[in-house]
Amino acid sequence: MEIVLTIAIGVLTGSGVWLLLRPRTFQVIMGLSLLSYAVNLFIFSMGRLGLSVNKEPVLKAGVPQDLLHYADPMPQALVLTAIVIGFAMTALFLVVLLASRGMSGTDHVDGSHSRETQEMP
């Protein structure tokens, strides 16, 4: 299972970096989203694999209530917070993308293919 998770994190990271290097803004936004998914998977896997195998995630009757018998809740809380922040970031970037596209007439990151540069000889 660890190898599948490792390959998934690597593919998401590689695809995200490749999309970040593309010239169009939508591809850059998708690259940022893929990178955030990869980081979320990495944080979640580092908090769960190897450290808290066969430990209860929530309180259970009959199990002593100390940290030796339960999984660490911090990685789950961090990933949940990162998902919410990533969704808000993606929504904000899409609004900025639409505003930039409306003002410049192009969706290129550097703005080199705008209407003004295409009309000039």
Protein backbone atom coordinates (compact mmCIF):
# COMPACT_ATOMS: atom_id res chain seq x y z
CA MET A 1 0.00 0.00 0.00
CA GLU A 2 2.89 2.35 0.72
CA ILE A 3 4.23 2.02 -2.83
CA VAL A 4 0.85 2.91 -4.34
CA LEU A 5 0.60 5.99 -2.13
CA THR A 6 4.17 6.98 -2.96
CA ILE A 7 3.56 6.63 -6.69
CA ALA A 8 0.32 8.64 -6.42
CA ILE A 9 2.10 11.45 -4.56
CA GLY A 10 4.93 11.43 -7.14
CA VAL A 11 2.55 11.51 -10.11
CA LEU A 12 0.52 14.34 -8.58
CA THR A 13 3.67 16.32 -7.81
CA GLY A 14 5.18 15.77 -11.26
CA SER A 15 1.94 16.66 -13.04
CA GLY A 16 1.48 19.73 -10.85
CA VAL A 17 4.98 21.03 -11.56
CA TRP A 18 4.57 20.35 -15.28
CA LEU A 19 1.29 22.27 -15.33
CA LEU A 20 2.83 25.14 -13.35
CA LEU A 21 5.35 25.62 -16.15
CA ARG A 22 2.66 25.96 -18.84
CA PRO A 23 1.92 29.38 -20.38
CA ARG A 24 -1.83 29.54 -19.74
CA THR A 25 -3.31 30.62 -16.43
CA PHE A 26 -5.89 27.83 -16.16
CA GLN A 27 -3.13 25.25 -16.45
CA VAL A 28 -1.18 27.04 -13.72
CA ILE A 29 -4.23 26.97 -11.44
CA MET A 30 -4.71 23.25 -12.07
CA GLY A 31 -1.01 22.69 -11.35
CA LEU A 32 -1.34 24.47 -8.01
CA SER A 33 -4.36 22.33 -7.18
CA LEU A 34 -2.52 19.12 -8.01
CA LEU A 35 0.44 20.20 -5.91
CA SER A 36 -1.84 20.95 -2.97
CA TYR A 37 -3.44 17.49 -3.32
CA ALA A 38 0.01 15.91 -3.34
CA VAL A 39 1.03 17.80 -0.20
CA ASN A 40 -2.24 16.81 1.51
CA LEU A 41 -1.64 13.14 0.72
CA PHE A 42 1.95 13.43 1.93
CA ILE A 43 0.96 15.02 5.25
CA PHE A 44 -1.82 12.51 5.76
CA SER A 45 0.43 9.55 4.98
CA MET A 46 3.25 10.77 7.22
CA GLY A 47 0.84 11.11 10.12
CA ARG A 48 -0.72 7.69 9.63
CA LEU A 49 1.78 5.22 8.18
CA GLY A 50 4.30 3.71 10.53
CA LEU A 51 3.48 5.95 13.46
CA SER A 52 -0.02 4.87 14.43
CA VAL A 53 -0.73 1.51 12.83
CA ASN A 54 -3.46 -0.47 14.63
CA LYS A 55 -4.39 2.49 16.83
CA GLU A 56 -7.91 3.80 17.24
CA PRO A 57 -8.72 7.11 15.50
CA VAL A 58 -11.53 8.00 17.98
CA LEU A 59 -12.25 7.26 21.64
CA LYS A 60 -13.45 3.72 22.21
CA ALA A 61 -14.88 2.04 25.27
CA GLY A 62 -12.42 -0.28 27.01
CA VAL A 63 -9.29 1.41 25.62
CA PRO A 64 -7.28 3.62 28.01
CA GLN A 65 -7.61 7.30 27.16
CA ASP A 66 -3.98 8.20 26.58
CA LEU A 67 -1.95 8.99 23.48
CA LEU A 68 -0.26 5.59 23.42
CA HIS A 69 -3.46 3.89 22.22
CA TYR A 70 -4.84 6.46 19.76
CA ALA A 71 -3.79 7.91 16.43
CA ASP A 72 -2.47 11.47 16.28
CA PRO A 73 -5.32 13.81 15.23
CA MET A 74 -3.01 16.62 14.09
CA PRO A 75 -2.37 15.36 10.50
CA GLN A 76 -6.10 14.91 9.90
CA ALA A 77 -6.79 18.42 11.20
CA LEU A 78 -4.00 19.90 9.06
CA VAL A 79 -5.22 18.15 5.91
CA LEU A 80 -8.82 19.19 6.51
CA THR A 81 -7.74 22.80 6.98
CA ALA A 82 -5.54 22.61 3.87
CA ILE A 83 -8.46 21.28 1.80
CA VAL A 84 -10.65 24.21 2.80
CA ILE A 85 -7.89 26.75 2.17
CA GLY A 86 -7.02 25.11 -1.17
CA PHE A 87 -10.64 25.29 -2.30
CA ALA A 88 -10.84 28.98 -1.37
CA MET A 89 -7.52 29.65 -3.12
CA THR A 90 -8.71 27.93 -6.29
CA ALA A 91 -11.97 29.91 -6.30
CA LEU A 92 -10.08 33.18 -5.83
CA PHE A 93 -7.61 32.33 -8.60
CA LEU A 94 -10.44 31.49 -10.98
CA VAL A 95 -12.07 34.86 -10.31
CA VAL A 96 -8.73 36.60 -10.91
CA LEU A 97 -8.32 34.52 -14.11
CA LEU A 98 -11.69 35.64 -15.43
CA ALA A 99 -11.00 39.30 -14.57
CA SER A 100 -7.56 39.16 -16.17
CA ARG A 101 -8.97 37.49 -19.28
CA GLY A 102 -11.64 40.17 -19.57
CA MET A 103 -9.20 43.05 -19.19
CA SER A 104 -6.31 41.78 -21.32
CA GLY A 105 -8.10 39.56 -23.81
CA THR A 106 -5.73 36.65 -23.22
CA ASP A 107 -5.23 33.89 -20.71
CA HIS A 108 -1.44 33.68 -21.05
CA VAL A 109 0.52 34.15 -17.86
CA ASP A 110 2.83 36.81 -19.26
CA GLY A 111 0.12 38.56 -21.33
CA SER A 112 2.23 38.35 -24.50
CA HIS A 113 -0.63 37.19 -26.72
CA SER A 114 -3.10 39.97 -26.02
CA ARG A 115 -5.34 41.65 -28.59
CA GLU A 116 -3.07 44.68 -28.89
CA THR A 117 0.03 42.67 -29.80
CA GLN A 118 -1.85 40.50 -32.29
CA GLU A 119 -3.33 43.46 -34.20
CA MET A 120 -0.03 45.29 -34.63
CA PRO A 121 2.14 44.28 -37.61
